[in-house]
Amino acid sequence: MAGRAQPSGPAGSGGGAPGLLPLLLLLLSAAAIIPRGDGQNLVTEDVTVVEGEVATISCRVKNSDDSVIQLLNPNRQTIYFRDFRPLKDSRFQLVNFSNSELRVSLTNVSISDEGRYFCQLYTDPPQEIYTTITVLVPPRNLVIDIQKETAVEGEEIELNCTAMASRPATTIRWFKGNKELTGKSEVEQWSDMYTVTSQLLLKVGREDDGVPVICLVDHPAVKDLQTQRYLEVMYKPQVRVSQNYPLQGLTREGEPLELTCTAFGKPQPTDMRWLRVDDEMPQHVVVSGSNLLISNLNKTDNGTYRCEASNAVGKSHADYMLFVYDTTATTEPAVHDSRAGEEGAIRSVDHAVVGGVVAVVVFAMLCLLIILGRYFARHKGTYFTHEAKGADDAADADTAIINAEGGQNNSEEKKEYFI
């Protein structure tokens, strides 16, 4: 009862203050030796806070009986006894006090504030429960170090991203544009802090020039922490030859030809020239910078014309193959009338149908002739001839006939076949 009556002194007149301090010290000494109970009537939660921010500790009583609540720090020093703060640390401020809750805020949290804080309830027997404050420290600095400020196409470069002095250790992720890449991380611990360095090996091409490489940090204390470096890649020229005239169709004798060479590279090509592959350039060819002009084409101009461009990285070229046609050469028109095309297609279909019918009729007639031939070959005609033996010796015709009929049985059978 004396413990519960104690705080009433400061709420009254100032004359009660001198007797309060000895009694309070006695209570604090007793609190230091209170055995830990099971905290069945106390409720609290662990607190996770970012360094420099505010942590709020709450000691709540489920079934209040007006028992005294107090809050102690990890060194078991009393922070608040009911609504009185004996600890001389102004960062602790009372947020709420009642018979069922003691809520205290701690501003400007640092690593040294991390640990267990005890809620105590003066019941019989006393109860105690603890809450843990965990302090998160975001990376102090995030830096990308690149091996070479300017790389050449095809080279492999090394990039390192360092996140310093964080707690817990950070996870570093790499991106090239929108594509995630895989790096290799190493963690170093200094006291309670961690420094993480991630290494990325990247083979660069001309398409990587001007693309950002991003180092992004995954850490519970910070969101969207990232830094980036833009790649600078040197590459040899890309060369293209285009025909300005004639725009379409054939290159004919007597007509002009104009070609243009374009080249892009980093650095921009400074040397560009035209040449004829495997032959000398005709004397009547005019070369003006990136343009090549032949005013009067002839067959001797046939060949391959090459445009070469170079810069500090290397040399590239593009070829144009010229074939000069006779002036009588013609080409199919590029665009046909759609109706004419349809009529031609119909005529083609009609001719195909007629041809197919004729072929079927011819085939049927050939089959019929073959069948008839085989039929007559299998049905052979047979006839007999009788020669009158001794007819030449007969005195007259009647005698010859009689002699012939009499000798019919001895006559020879002769067969003749016809097809």
Protein backbone atom coordinates (compact mmCIF):
# COMPACT_ATOMS: atom_id res chain seq x y z
CA MET A 1 0.00 0.00 0.00
CA ALA A 2 2.87 2.37 0.76
CA GLY A 3 4.17 1.78 -2.77
CA ARG A 4 0.87 2.79 -4.34
CA ALA A 5 0.51 5.83 -2.09
CA GLN A 6 4.03 7.04 -2.83
CA PRO A 7 3.37 8.91 -6.09
CA SER A 8 0.58 10.98 -4.50
CA GLY A 9 3.20 13.23 -2.89
CA PRO A 10 4.31 15.07 -6.06
CA ALA A 11 0.73 15.51 -7.16
CA GLY A 12 -0.02 17.45 -3.97
CA SER A 13 1.81 20.36 -2.38
CA GLY A 14 5.55 20.75 -2.66
CA GLY A 15 5.94 20.06 1.06
CA GLY A 16 5.60 16.29 0.54
CA ALA A 17 8.61 16.03 -1.74
CA PRO A 18 11.38 15.68 0.91
CA GLY A 19 9.93 12.44 2.28
CA LEU A 20 9.34 10.94 -1.15
CA LEU A 21 12.92 10.34 -2.25
CA PRO A 22 14.01 7.96 0.58
CA LEU A 23 10.89 5.86 0.10
CA LEU A 24 11.37 5.78 -3.65
CA LEU A 25 14.98 4.66 -3.31
CA LEU A 26 13.80 1.89 -1.03
CA LEU A 27 11.28 0.74 -3.63
CA LEU A 28 13.88 0.81 -6.38
CA SER A 29 16.22 -1.30 -4.30
CA ALA A 30 13.45 -3.78 -3.67
CA ALA A 31 12.64 -3.88 -7.39
CA ALA A 32 16.18 -4.94 -8.15
CA ILE A 33 15.70 -8.12 -6.16
CA ILE A 34 12.14 -8.96 -7.19
CA PRO A 35 12.16 -12.51 -8.51
CA ARG A 36 11.00 -12.87 -12.13
CA GLY A 37 7.45 -14.16 -12.43
CA ASP A 38 5.76 -15.73 -15.40
CA GLY A 39 4.18 -12.40 -16.48
CA GLN A 40 0.80 -14.06 -16.94
CA ASN A 41 -1.02 -10.76 -16.37
CA LEU A 42 1.44 -8.56 -18.33
CA VAL A 43 1.53 -7.99 -22.10
CA THR A 44 4.19 -6.30 -24.21
CA GLU A 45 5.72 -6.52 -27.69
CA ASP A 46 9.25 -6.41 -29.09
CA VAL A 47 10.22 -3.17 -30.77
CA THR A 48 12.29 -2.71 -33.94
CA VAL A 49 13.36 0.83 -34.68
CA VAL A 50 15.70 2.61 -37.08
CA GLU A 51 18.61 4.45 -35.51
CA GLY A 52 17.70 8.06 -34.77
CA GLU A 53 13.96 7.45 -34.72
CA VAL A 54 11.48 6.92 -31.85
CA ALA A 55 10.85 3.63 -30.02
CA THR A 56 7.67 3.16 -28.00
CA ILE A 57 7.57 0.63 -25.15
CA SER A 58 4.21 -0.47 -23.75
CA CYS A 59 3.60 -2.41 -20.52
CA ARG A 60 -0.06 -3.46 -20.33
CA VAL A 61 -2.04 -5.25 -17.63
CA LYS A 62 -4.78 -7.61 -18.78
CA ASN A 63 -6.69 -7.66 -15.46
CA SER A 64 -5.86 -4.56 -13.51
CA ASP A 65 -6.07 -4.57 -9.71
CA ASP A 66 -4.42 -1.16 -9.26
CA SER A 67 -1.00 -2.75 -8.74
CA VAL A 68 2.04 -0.60 -9.42
CA ILE A 69 3.65 -0.83 -12.92
CA GLN A 70 7.22 0.11 -13.55
CA LEU A 71 9.63 -0.02 -16.50
CA LEU A 72 13.34 -0.86 -16.20
CA ASN A 73 16.19 -0.52 -18.70
CA PRO A 74 18.64 -3.35 -19.65
CA ASN A 75 20.79 -2.39 -16.66
CA ARG A 76 17.69 -2.84 -14.49
CA GLN A 77 17.51 0.83 -13.66
CA THR A 78 14.00 2.16 -13.23
CA ILE A 79 12.92 4.35 -16.13
CA TYR A 80 9.37 4.96 -14.92
CA PHE A 81 7.65 4.04 -11.65
CA ARG A 82 4.00 4.58 -12.42
CA ASP A 83 4.10 8.14 -13.89
CA PHE A 84 7.33 9.20 -12.18
CA ARG A 85 10.68 9.12 -14.02
CA PRO A 86 13.64 8.72 -11.66
CA LEU A 87 16.12 8.09 -14.53
CA LYS A 88 17.76 11.32 -15.62
CA ASP A 89 17.45 10.72 -19.37
CA SER A 90 15.13 13.21 -21.00
CA ARG A 91 14.85 11.07 -24.14
CA PHE A 92 12.34 8.92 -22.21
CA GLN A 93 8.92 10.54 -22.17
CA LEU A 94 5.63 9.33 -20.72
CA VAL A 95 3.06 8.72 -23.46
CA ASN A 96 0.28 7.17 -21.40
CA PHE A 97 -0.23 6.07 -17.82
CA SER A 98 -3.22 4.33 -16.29
CA ASN A 99 -3.98 1.40 -14.01
CA SER A 100 -3.78 -0.92 -17.03
CA GLU A 101 -0.92 0.58 -19.11
CA LEU A 102 2.43 2.29 -18.88
CA ARG A 103 3.59 3.55 -22.29
CA VAL A 104 6.95 5.28 -22.72
CA SER A 105 8.69 6.71 -25.81
CA LEU A 106 12.42 6.81 -26.40
CA THR A 107 13.57 9.43 -28.91
CA ASN A 108 16.77 9.53 -30.96
CA VAL A 109 17.45 5.82 -30.51
CA SER A 110 21.04 4.65 -30.83
CA ILE A 111 22.79 1.28 -30.87
CA SER A 112 23.57 1.65 -27.17
CA ASP A 113 19.83 1.61 -26.42
CA GLU A 114 19.42 -1.89 -27.82
CA GLY A 115 18.58 -4.70 -25.39
CA ARG A 116 15.89 -6.02 -23.03
CA TYR A 117 13.54 -3.68 -21.16
CA PHE A 118 11.55 -5.09 -18.22
CA CYS A 119 7.94 -4.50 -17.31
CA GLN A 120 7.21 -5.26 -13.63
CA LEU A 121 3.92 -5.52 -11.84
CA TYR A 122 3.82 -5.41 -8.02
CA THR A 123 1.42 -8.24 -7.30
CA ASP A 124 1.69 -11.18 -4.95
CA PRO A 125 3.84 -12.75 -6.22
CA PRO A 126 5.39 -9.98 -8.39
CA GLN A 127 5.28 -10.42 -12.17
CA GLU A 128 7.82 -9.50 -14.77
CA ILE A 129 8.06 -9.67 -18.56
CA TYR A 130 10.57 -8.18 -20.95
CA THR A 131 10.50 -6.57 -24.39
CA THR A 132 13.48 -6.37 -26.73
CA ILE A 133 14.45 -3.24 -28.62
CA THR A 134 16.31 -3.95 -31.87
CA VAL A 135 18.02 -1.02 -33.57
CA LEU A 136 18.47 -1.02 -37.35
CA VAL A 137 21.22 1.02 -38.95
CA PRO A 138 20.94 1.86 -42.67
CA PRO A 139 24.10 1.98 -44.78
CA ARG A 140 26.06 5.14 -44.18
CA ASN A 141 27.23 5.36 -47.77
CA LEU A 142 26.63 3.62 -51.11
CA VAL A 143 29.33 3.98 -53.75
CA ILE A 144 29.99 2.38 -57.16
CA ASP A 145 33.61 2.13 -58.16
CA ILE A 146 34.23 1.32 -61.83
CA GLN A 147 37.49 -0.17 -63.04
CA LYS A 148 37.67 1.89 -66.25
CA GLU A 149 35.79 5.08 -66.95
CA THR A 150 35.80 4.32 -70.68
CA ALA A 151 35.68 0.74 -71.99
CA VAL A 152 36.18 -0.68 -75.48
CA GLU A 153 33.59 -2.90 -77.10
CA GLY A 154 34.18 -6.55 -76.16
CA GLU A 155 36.11 -5.73 -72.97
CA GLU A 156 35.21 -7.14 -69.56
CA ILE A 157 35.13 -4.48 -66.88
CA GLU A 158 34.86 -4.73 -63.09
CA LEU A 159 32.43 -2.71 -60.98
CA ASN A 160 32.31 -2.66 -57.17
CA CYS A 161 29.47 -1.38 -55.02
CA THR A 162 30.08 -0.78 -51.30
CA ALA A 163 27.45 -0.30 -48.60
CA MET A 164 29.20 0.85 -45.40
CA ALA A 165 28.35 0.57 -41.70
CA SER A 166 24.90 -1.02 -41.66
CA ARG A 167 23.10 -3.28 -39.26
CA PRO A 168 22.18 -5.95 -40.16
CA ALA A 169 24.32 -6.59 -43.24
CA THR A 170 22.79 -5.33 -46.48
CA THR A 171 21.95 -7.30 -49.61
CA ILE A 172 23.22 -5.70 -52.81
CA ARG A 173 21.51 -6.18 -56.17
CA TRP A 174 22.77 -5.17 -59.62
CA PHE A 175 20.82 -3.96 -62.64
CA LYS A 176 21.87 -2.98 -66.16
CA GLY A 177 18.96 -0.93 -67.39
CA ASN A 178 15.95 -3.06 -66.43
CA LYS A 179 17.85 -6.37 -66.47
CA GLU A 180 19.03 -7.80 -63.16
CA LEU A 181 22.59 -9.12 -63.05
CA THR A 182 24.41 -11.33 -60.55
CA GLY A 183 27.34 -10.05 -58.50
CA LYS A 184 29.58 -11.58 -55.83
CA SER A 185 29.37 -10.11 -52.31
CA GLU A 186 31.77 -10.04 -49.36
CA VAL A 187 30.81 -9.02 -45.79
CA GLU A 188 33.12 -7.45 -43.23
CA GLN A 189 32.10 -6.89 -39.60
CA TRP A 190 33.42 -4.03 -37.51
CA SER A 191 32.14 -4.17 -33.96
CA ASP A 192 28.35 -4.27 -34.34
CA MET A 193 28.36 -2.88 -37.89
CA TYR A 194 28.70 -4.53 -41.29
CA THR A 195 30.28 -3.37 -44.54
CA VAL A 196 29.25 -5.20 -47.72
CA THR A 197 31.07 -5.03 -51.06
CA SER A 198 29.62 -6.59 -54.21
CA GLN A 199 31.69 -7.18 -57.35
CA LEU A 200 30.21 -7.31 -60.85
CA LEU A 201 32.10 -8.46 -63.96
CA LEU A 202 30.49 -7.15 -67.13
CA LYS A 203 31.42 -7.70 -70.78
CA VAL A 204 30.33 -4.59 -72.66
CA GLY A 205 29.16 -4.07 -76.21
CA ARG A 206 28.24 -1.04 -78.28
CA GLU A 207 24.61 -1.41 -77.19
CA ASP A 208 25.72 -0.74 -73.59
CA ASP A 209 26.99 2.76 -74.31
CA GLY A 210 25.01 5.24 -72.21
CA VAL A 211 23.15 2.50 -70.30
CA PRO A 212 23.01 2.94 -66.48
CA VAL A 213 24.40 0.26 -64.17
CA ILE A 214 22.47 0.42 -60.89
CA CYS A 215 23.52 -0.77 -57.43
CA LEU A 216 20.45 -1.24 -55.23
CA VAL A 217 20.34 -2.06 -51.51
CA ASP A 218 17.87 -4.40 -49.80
CA HIS A 219 17.78 -3.44 -46.09
CA PRO A 220 14.94 -3.31 -43.53
CA ALA A 221 16.00 0.16 -42.41
CA VAL A 222 15.80 1.85 -45.79
CA LYS A 223 13.78 1.75 -49.00
CA ASP A 224 14.82 2.62 -52.56
CA LEU A 225 18.44 3.27 -51.69
CA GLN A 226 20.46 3.02 -54.89
CA THR A 227 23.23 4.59 -56.88
CA GLN A 228 24.16 4.29 -60.54
CA ARG A 229 26.90 4.85 -63.09
CA TYR A 230 26.48 5.30 -66.81
CA LEU A 231 28.62 3.10 -69.05
CA GLU A 232 30.80 4.70 -71.69
CA VAL A 233 31.72 2.22 -74.42
CA MET A 234 33.95 2.92 -77.44
CA TYR A 235 33.25 0.93 -80.61
CA LYS A 236 34.41 0.83 -84.22
CA PRO A 237 32.28 2.38 -86.99
CA GLN A 238 29.06 0.94 -88.38
CA VAL A 239 29.07 1.59 -92.14
CA ARG A 240 26.15 1.62 -94.60
CA VAL A 241 26.04 2.39 -98.34
CA SER A 242 22.80 3.74 -99.83
CA GLN A 243 21.89 4.37 -103.48
CA ASN A 244 20.60 7.90 -104.05
CA TYR A 245 20.08 7.58 -107.81
CA PRO A 246 18.50 5.77 -109.51
CA LEU A 247 16.09 5.29 -106.62
CA GLN A 248 14.62 2.10 -108.08
CA GLY A 249 15.10 -0.13 -111.08
CA LEU A 250 18.21 -1.03 -113.04
CA THR A 251 21.51 0.72 -113.42
CA ARG A 252 21.68 1.12 -117.22
CA GLU A 253 24.36 2.22 -119.60
CA GLY A 254 24.52 5.95 -120.08
CA GLU A 255 22.65 6.75 -116.88
CA PRO A 256 24.16 8.26 -113.70
CA LEU A 257 24.75 6.52 -110.38
CA GLU A 258 25.08 8.24 -107.00
CA LEU A 259 26.02 6.44 -103.77
CA THR A 260 26.26 7.80 -100.22
CA CYS A 261 28.24 6.28 -97.37
CA THR A 262 27.22 6.84 -93.74
CA ALA A 263 29.26 5.76 -90.73
CA PHE A 264 28.59 5.93 -86.98
CA GLY A 265 31.00 5.04 -84.20
CA LYS A 266 32.45 6.15 -80.90
CA PRO A 267 34.47 8.22 -81.34
CA GLN A 268 32.90 9.49 -84.56
CA PRO A 269 34.89 8.21 -87.60
CA THR A 270 37.38 10.74 -88.90
CA ASP A 271 38.66 8.82 -91.95
CA MET A 272 36.28 7.71 -94.71
CA ARG A 273 37.26 6.64 -98.25
CA TRP A 274 35.92 4.89 -101.36
CA LEU A 275 37.75 2.17 -103.29
CA ARG A 276 37.04 -0.46 -105.93
CA VAL A 277 37.61 -4.02 -104.77
CA ASP A 278 40.15 -6.00 -106.84
CA ASP A 279 40.48 -3.23 -109.43
CA GLU A 280 41.39 0.41 -109.87
CA MET A 281 38.80 3.12 -109.50
CA PRO A 282 37.62 4.32 -112.97
CA GLN A 283 38.95 7.75 -113.85
CA HIS A 284 35.49 9.17 -114.56
CA VAL A 285 34.27 8.32 -111.03
CA VAL A 286 33.92 11.42 -108.83
CA VAL A 287 34.32 10.99 -105.05
CA SER A 288 33.26 13.90 -102.88
CA GLY A 289 33.51 13.17 -99.15
CA SER A 290 31.05 10.41 -98.41
CA ASN A 291 29.47 10.51 -101.92
CA LEU A 292 30.46 8.57 -105.05
CA LEU A 293 29.14 9.72 -108.47
CA ILE A 294 29.36 8.08 -111.91
CA SER A 295 27.69 10.39 -114.43
CA ASN A 296 27.71 8.02 -117.43
CA LEU A 297 27.64 4.31 -116.63
CA ASN A 298 29.18 1.72 -118.92
CA LYS A 299 29.97 -1.96 -118.69
CA THR A 300 33.55 -1.31 -117.63
CA ASP A 301 32.19 0.12 -114.37
CA ASN A 302 30.95 -3.30 -113.23
CA GLY A 303 32.44 -4.39 -109.92
CA THR A 304 32.31 -3.99 -106.15
CA TYR A 305 32.68 -0.52 -104.64
CA ARG A 306 33.65 -0.33 -100.97
CA CYS A 307 33.32 2.44 -98.40
CA GLU A 308 35.76 2.20 -95.50
CA ALA A 309 35.56 4.17 -92.25
CA SER A 310 37.87 4.11 -89.23
CA ASN A 311 38.28 5.61 -85.78
CA ALA A 312 40.54 5.07 -82.79
CA VAL A 313 38.95 1.67 -82.08
CA GLY A 314 39.12 0.08 -85.52
CA LYS A 315 38.04 -0.03 -89.17
CA SER A 316 34.83 -1.22 -90.85
CA HIS A 317 33.44 -1.24 -94.39
CA ALA A 318 30.33 -1.76 -96.50
CA ASP A 319 30.21 -2.95 -100.14
CA TYR A 320 28.03 -2.07 -103.13
CA MET A 321 27.98 -4.46 -106.13
CA LEU A 322 27.41 -2.64 -109.42
CA PHE A 323 26.15 -4.34 -112.59
CA VAL A 324 25.44 -2.15 -115.59
CA TYR A 325 22.61 -3.37 -117.86
CA ASP A 326 21.98 -2.63 -121.53
CA THR A 327 19.67 0.24 -122.30
CA THR A 328 17.18 -2.28 -123.73
CA ALA A 329 16.89 -4.16 -120.46
CA THR A 330 13.46 -4.01 -118.90
CA THR A 331 12.04 -5.04 -115.65
CA GLU A 332 8.63 -6.08 -114.44
CA PRO A 333 6.59 -3.11 -113.23
CA ALA A 334 6.75 -2.83 -109.48
CA VAL A 335 2.97 -2.39 -109.14
CA HIS A 336 0.30 -4.33 -111.08
CA ASP A 337 -3.35 -3.44 -111.53
CA SER A 338 -5.30 -5.69 -109.20
CA ARG A 339 -8.14 -6.34 -111.69
CA ALA A 340 -5.76 -7.30 -114.45
CA GLY A 341 -4.10 -9.67 -112.06
CA GLU A 342 -7.43 -11.27 -111.22
CA GLU A 343 -8.39 -11.71 -114.93
CA GLY A 344 -5.03 -13.23 -115.69
CA ALA A 345 -5.47 -15.60 -112.80
CA ILE A 346 -8.92 -16.64 -114.12
CA ARG A 347 -7.52 -17.24 -117.63
CA SER A 348 -4.74 -19.31 -116.13
CA VAL A 349 -7.27 -21.38 -114.24
CA ASP A 350 -9.37 -21.95 -117.43
CA HIS A 351 -6.35 -23.11 -119.41
CA ALA A 352 -5.38 -25.47 -116.62
CA VAL A 353 -8.89 -26.99 -116.55
CA VAL A 354 -8.99 -27.50 -120.35
CA GLY A 355 -5.54 -29.03 -120.35
CA GLY A 356 -6.54 -31.39 -117.57
CA VAL A 357 -9.68 -32.54 -119.43
CA VAL A 358 -7.73 -33.20 -122.65
CA ALA A 359 -5.15 -35.19 -120.77
CA VAL A 360 -7.87 -37.35 -119.17
CA VAL A 361 -9.52 -38.05 -122.58
CA VAL A 362 -6.21 -39.01 -124.21
CA PHE A 363 -5.42 -41.29 -121.32
CA ALA A 364 -8.86 -42.97 -121.56
CA MET A 365 -8.45 -43.60 -125.33
CA LEU A 366 -5.04 -45.15 -124.84
CA CYS A 367 -6.45 -47.45 -122.17
CA LEU A 368 -9.31 -48.49 -124.51
CA LEU A 369 -6.94 -49.35 -127.36
CA ILE A 370 -4.81 -51.46 -125.06
CA ILE A 371 -7.87 -53.38 -123.81
CA LEU A 372 -9.14 -54.08 -127.37
CA GLY A 373 -5.74 -55.27 -128.50
CA ARG A 374 -5.51 -57.71 -125.61
CA TYR A 375 -9.07 -58.96 -126.35
CA PHE A 376 -8.38 -59.78 -130.04
CA ALA A 377 -5.09 -61.43 -129.17
CA ARG A 378 -6.84 -63.91 -126.89
CA HIS A 379 -9.65 -64.87 -129.47
CA LYS A 380 -7.80 -66.35 -132.48
CA GLY A 381 -9.71 -67.36 -135.78
CA THR A 382 -9.16 -70.91 -137.26
CA TYR A 383 -10.10 -72.38 -140.74
CA PHE A 384 -9.26 -75.47 -142.74
CA THR A 385 -8.21 -75.93 -146.43
CA HIS A 386 -8.54 -79.22 -148.31
CA GLU A 387 -6.45 -79.96 -151.31
CA ALA A 388 -7.78 -82.76 -153.66
CA LYS A 389 -5.14 -85.37 -153.85
CA GLY A 390 -4.72 -86.58 -157.41
CA ALA A 391 -7.10 -84.04 -158.91
CA ASP A 392 -4.59 -83.34 -161.55
CA ASP A 393 -4.96 -87.00 -162.78
CA ALA A 394 -8.80 -86.90 -162.92
CA ALA A 395 -10.38 -87.12 -166.37
CA ASP A 396 -12.95 -84.45 -165.60
CA ALA A 397 -14.13 -82.14 -162.87
CA ASP A 398 -16.67 -84.52 -161.42
CA THR A 399 -14.05 -87.22 -161.04
CA ALA A 400 -11.73 -84.74 -159.37
CA ILE A 401 -14.41 -83.80 -156.84
CA ILE A 402 -15.18 -87.41 -156.08
CA ASN A 403 -11.52 -88.19 -155.64
CA ALA A 404 -11.18 -85.12 -153.38
CA GLU A 405 -14.11 -86.10 -151.16
CA GLY A 406 -12.84 -89.58 -150.91
CA GLY A 407 -9.50 -88.35 -149.74
CA GLN A 408 -10.90 -85.93 -147.17
CA ASN A 409 -9.97 -88.15 -144.27
CA ASN A 410 -6.38 -88.19 -145.32
CA SER A 411 -6.07 -84.52 -145.95
CA GLU A 412 -3.68 -82.39 -143.84
CA GLU A 413 -5.11 -79.69 -141.66
CA LYS A 414 -3.72 -76.27 -142.22
CA LYS A 415 -4.41 -73.43 -139.82
CA GLU A 416 -4.13 -69.74 -140.42
CA TYR A 417 -4.45 -67.12 -137.72
CA PHE A 418 -5.52 -63.58 -137.93
CA ILE A 419 -5.57 -60.79 -135.45
